[in-house]
């Protein structure tokens, strides 16, 4: 989980911010909770992305972002590739 969170912050945070900025253009005080839920398959690709958001535009944009994310291949305790599921929640507020 820590590896996935670190990868999100270092590689994907800018894309998430772009999605939020699109919303802020239309609604400057837009704020609320967002939940990202997805699985990483045995090739490192995101599958079954789902976003719960306070704004439909934000939700659509973030789901599109998630589909392009890649992570290190998750492995079971024996070192075999496996599917891992992640759920992250966070709040967005304008600067």
Protein backbone atom coordinates (compact mmCIF):
# COMPACT_ATOMS: atom_id res chain seq x y z
CA UNK A 1 0.00 0.00 0.00
CA UNK A 2 2.81 2.44 0.85
CA UNK A 3 4.45 1.75 -2.51
CA UNK A 4 1.19 2.50 -4.33
CA UNK A 5 0.65 5.70 -2.34
CA UNK A 6 4.21 6.85 -3.05
CA UNK A 7 3.78 6.16 -6.77
CA UNK A 8 0.50 8.10 -6.77
CA UNK A 9 2.13 11.10 -5.11
CA UNK A 10 5.24 11.13 -7.26
CA UNK A 11 3.79 10.20 -10.66
CA UNK A 12 0.06 10.83 -10.69
CA UNK A 13 -0.70 13.74 -8.35
CA UNK A 14 -0.24 16.33 -11.10
CA UNK A 15 -2.91 14.66 -13.26
CA UNK A 16 -5.28 14.56 -10.31
CA UNK A 17 -4.66 18.26 -9.71
CA UNK A 18 -5.45 19.02 -13.37
CA UNK A 19 -8.80 17.28 -12.96
CA UNK A 20 -9.58 19.33 -9.86
CA UNK A 21 -8.55 22.58 -11.57
CA UNK A 22 -11.07 21.86 -14.34
CA UNK A 23 -13.78 21.70 -11.71
CA UNK A 24 -12.56 24.88 -10.00
CA UNK A 25 -12.85 26.81 -13.29
CA UNK A 26 -16.60 26.14 -13.28
CA UNK A 27 -17.10 26.19 -9.50
CA UNK A 28 -14.33 28.16 -7.76
CA UNK A 29 -15.26 26.97 -4.26
CA UNK A 30 -15.73 23.30 -5.14
CA UNK A 31 -14.56 21.09 -2.30
CA UNK A 32 -15.33 17.68 -0.92
CA UNK A 33 -14.33 14.09 -0.40
CA UNK A 34 -12.99 11.78 -3.09
CA UNK A 35 -12.40 8.04 -2.93
CA UNK A 36 -10.31 6.15 -5.47
CA UNK A 37 -10.76 2.40 -5.59
CA UNK A 38 -8.90 0.15 -8.01
CA UNK A 39 -7.08 -3.12 -8.43
CA UNK A 40 -3.61 -3.62 -9.84
CA UNK A 41 -3.36 -6.81 -11.87
CA UNK A 42 -0.46 -9.19 -12.28
CA UNK A 43 1.03 -7.03 -15.05
CA UNK A 44 0.91 -3.77 -13.05
CA UNK A 45 -2.10 -2.32 -14.86
CA UNK A 46 -5.05 -0.71 -13.09
CA UNK A 47 -8.30 -2.63 -13.51
CA UNK A 48 -11.80 -1.87 -12.28
CA UNK A 49 -11.19 1.79 -11.44
CA UNK A 50 -13.97 3.47 -9.48
CA UNK A 51 -14.14 7.02 -8.18
CA UNK A 52 -16.63 8.42 -5.72
CA UNK A 53 -16.65 12.20 -5.85
CA UNK A 54 -18.63 15.32 -5.03
CA UNK A 55 -18.52 16.34 -8.71
CA UNK A 56 -19.37 14.32 -11.84
CA UNK A 57 -16.75 16.08 -14.00
CA UNK A 58 -14.06 15.32 -11.44
CA UNK A 59 -15.20 11.72 -11.18
CA UNK A 60 -15.03 11.20 -14.95
CA UNK A 61 -11.63 12.86 -15.24
CA UNK A 62 -10.12 10.87 -12.37
CA UNK A 63 -11.48 7.58 -13.71
CA UNK A 64 -9.82 8.34 -17.06
CA UNK A 65 -6.56 9.09 -15.23
CA UNK A 66 -6.74 5.84 -13.26
CA UNK A 67 -7.08 3.75 -16.40
CA UNK A 68 -3.61 4.89 -17.50
CA UNK A 69 -1.81 4.37 -14.20
CA UNK A 70 0.82 1.64 -13.86
CA UNK A 71 2.31 0.19 -10.70
CA UNK A 72 4.96 -2.35 -9.81
CA UNK A 73 3.58 -5.86 -10.16
CA UNK A 74 2.07 -6.92 -6.82
CA UNK A 75 3.41 -10.21 -5.49
CA UNK A 76 2.18 -12.68 -2.93
CA UNK A 77 4.36 -13.85 -0.01
CA UNK A 78 5.94 -16.48 -2.31
CA UNK A 79 6.92 -13.82 -4.86
CA UNK A 80 4.27 -14.81 -7.38
CA UNK A 81 2.34 -12.09 -9.27
CA UNK A 82 -1.12 -11.40 -7.86
CA UNK A 83 -3.95 -8.88 -7.99
CA UNK A 84 -3.93 -6.22 -5.26
CA UNK A 85 -6.85 -3.92 -4.43
CA UNK A 86 -6.45 -0.38 -3.12
CA UNK A 87 -8.79 2.24 -1.70
CA UNK A 88 -7.67 5.79 -0.95
CA UNK A 89 -9.81 8.59 0.40
CA UNK A 90 -8.90 12.26 0.56
CA UNK A 91 -10.43 15.72 0.68
CA UNK A 92 -10.02 18.48 -1.89
CA UNK A 93 -10.20 22.17 -1.02
CA UNK A 94 -9.26 25.17 -3.18
CA UNK A 95 -6.00 26.99 -2.37
